[in-house]
Amino acid sequence: MLEALRRHTTEAYAAGDVERAVGLYVEEAVQQPPGRPANVGREAIRQSYEMLFSQGGLSLQMTPWETVISGDEARERGAYLLEMGNRVLLAGKYLFVAARTASADWRYVWTTVTPD
């Protein structure tokens, strides 16, 4: 069920598409980057993606380890790899909480990553 959310995320990274990436979050979402203050709400998340995607040429891989779905809420943890060309920028673990929207799509409520 969350495969589409992961796929849309990796596609947004590959395309450098800020609006597509931000659209994967609910309005009041929280994005917690490593070692930085939380980005609360879509506008703060948009600014974060604008800065990240300005580097261009990114590739993201997400490998889920555990997914738990309970009704319209889900959480998932796994490993990620963020690359630019052939260079690894970040690698580590991710955790997200998602909610199923009225249109039956999954959107991020809270995301965080930790580098290895």
Protein backbone atom coordinates (compact mmCIF):
# COMPACT_ATOMS: atom_id res chain seq x y z
CA MET A 1 0.00 0.00 0.00
CA LEU A 2 2.80 2.42 0.79
CA GLU A 3 4.74 1.41 -2.30
CA ALA A 4 3.12 4.23 -4.28
CA LEU A 5 4.14 6.81 -1.68
CA ARG A 6 7.74 5.60 -1.77
CA ARG A 7 7.71 5.51 -5.58
CA HIS A 8 6.29 9.05 -5.84
CA THR A 9 8.95 10.22 -3.39
CA THR A 10 11.84 8.73 -5.35
CA GLU A 11 10.38 10.08 -8.61
CA ALA A 12 10.11 13.59 -7.13
CA TYR A 13 13.79 13.42 -6.11
CA ALA A 14 14.86 12.20 -9.56
CA ALA A 15 12.90 14.98 -11.26
CA GLY A 16 13.91 17.64 -8.73
CA ASP A 17 10.19 18.43 -8.50
CA VAL A 18 9.62 20.50 -5.36
CA GLU A 19 5.85 20.77 -5.75
CA ARG A 20 5.45 17.04 -6.28
CA ALA A 21 7.57 16.30 -3.20
CA VAL A 22 5.66 18.81 -1.04
CA GLY A 23 2.34 17.42 -2.29
CA LEU A 24 3.22 14.10 -0.64
CA TYR A 25 2.78 15.69 2.82
CA VAL A 26 -0.38 16.61 4.70
CA GLU A 27 -0.71 20.34 5.38
CA GLU A 28 0.40 20.14 9.03
CA ALA A 29 3.23 17.63 8.44
CA VAL A 30 6.54 17.64 10.27
CA GLN A 31 9.82 16.86 8.53
CA GLN A 32 12.71 16.30 10.94
CA PRO A 33 16.07 16.49 9.15
CA PRO A 34 19.16 15.22 10.97
CA GLY A 35 20.88 17.81 13.14
CA ARG A 36 18.53 20.63 12.16
CA PRO A 37 15.31 22.15 13.48
CA ALA A 38 12.06 20.55 12.36
CA ASN A 39 10.28 21.82 9.25
CA VAL A 40 6.67 22.22 10.35
CA GLY A 41 3.99 22.61 7.68
CA ARG A 42 4.15 22.48 3.91
CA GLU A 43 5.72 25.93 3.47
CA ALA A 44 8.72 25.04 5.66
CA ILE A 45 8.97 21.66 3.93
CA ARG A 46 8.84 23.43 0.54
CA GLN A 47 11.77 25.64 1.50
CA SER A 48 13.75 22.59 2.57
CA TYR A 49 13.12 20.84 -0.75
CA GLU A 50 13.96 23.98 -2.73
CA MET A 51 17.36 24.08 -1.06
CA LEU A 52 17.96 20.33 -1.45
CA PHE A 53 16.78 20.06 -5.05
CA SER A 54 18.78 23.13 -6.14
CA GLN A 55 21.80 20.80 -6.11
CA GLY A 56 20.26 18.86 -9.00
CA GLY A 57 20.87 15.29 -10.13
CA LEU A 58 19.64 13.52 -6.99
CA SER A 59 18.66 9.90 -6.70
CA LEU A 60 16.89 8.45 -3.65
CA GLN A 61 16.46 4.79 -2.78
CA MET A 62 14.18 3.65 0.04
CA THR A 63 14.28 0.06 1.31
CA PRO A 64 11.51 -0.69 3.81
CA TRP A 65 12.22 -3.02 6.72
CA GLU A 66 8.95 -2.82 8.59
CA THR A 67 5.57 -1.39 7.66
CA VAL A 68 2.64 -1.25 10.06
CA ILE A 69 -0.78 -0.17 8.84
CA SER A 70 -3.67 0.38 11.21
CA GLY A 71 -6.78 1.74 9.55
CA ASP A 72 -5.95 5.09 7.98
CA GLU A 73 -2.57 5.44 9.70
CA ALA A 74 0.73 3.79 8.91
CA ARG A 75 4.34 3.87 9.97
CA GLU A 76 7.37 2.56 8.20
CA ARG A 77 11.05 2.25 8.91
CA GLY A 78 13.85 1.30 6.60
CA ALA A 79 17.10 2.30 4.95
CA TYR A 80 17.71 5.12 2.49
CA LEU A 81 20.48 6.10 0.12
CA LEU A 82 20.68 9.60 -1.35
CA GLU A 83 23.11 10.02 -4.22
CA MET A 84 24.19 12.74 -6.60
CA GLY A 85 25.54 11.09 -9.70
CA ASN A 86 27.83 8.33 -8.43
CA ARG A 87 28.53 10.08 -5.12
CA VAL A 88 26.71 9.10 -1.93
CA LEU A 89 25.46 12.22 -0.14
CA LEU A 90 23.65 10.51 2.73
CA ALA A 91 22.88 6.96 3.76
CA GLY A 92 21.09 5.79 6.83
CA LYS A 93 17.71 4.96 8.25
CA TYR A 94 14.29 6.55 7.80
CA LEU A 95 11.08 6.52 9.75
CA PHE A 96 7.79 7.98 8.63
CA VAL A 97 4.20 8.16 9.74
CA ALA A 98 1.58 8.45 7.01
CA ALA A 99 -2.17 8.98 6.81
CA ARG A 100 -4.65 7.86 4.19
CA THR A 101 -6.45 10.87 2.74
CA ALA A 102 -10.09 11.15 1.68
CA SER A 103 -8.99 10.27 -1.88
CA ALA A 104 -7.40 7.04 -0.49
CA ASP A 105 -3.85 8.28 -1.20
CA TRP A 106 -1.18 8.06 1.48
CA ARG A 107 0.55 11.28 2.60
CA TYR A 108 3.39 11.86 5.03
CA VAL A 109 2.45 13.20 8.46
CA TRP A 110 5.91 12.98 10.01
CA THR A 111 9.26 12.01 8.51
CA THR A 112 12.76 11.71 9.89
CA VAL A 113 16.09 10.30 8.77
CA THR A 114 19.27 9.45 10.62
CA PRO A 115 22.60 9.08 8.84
CA ASP A 116 24.73 5.98 9.38
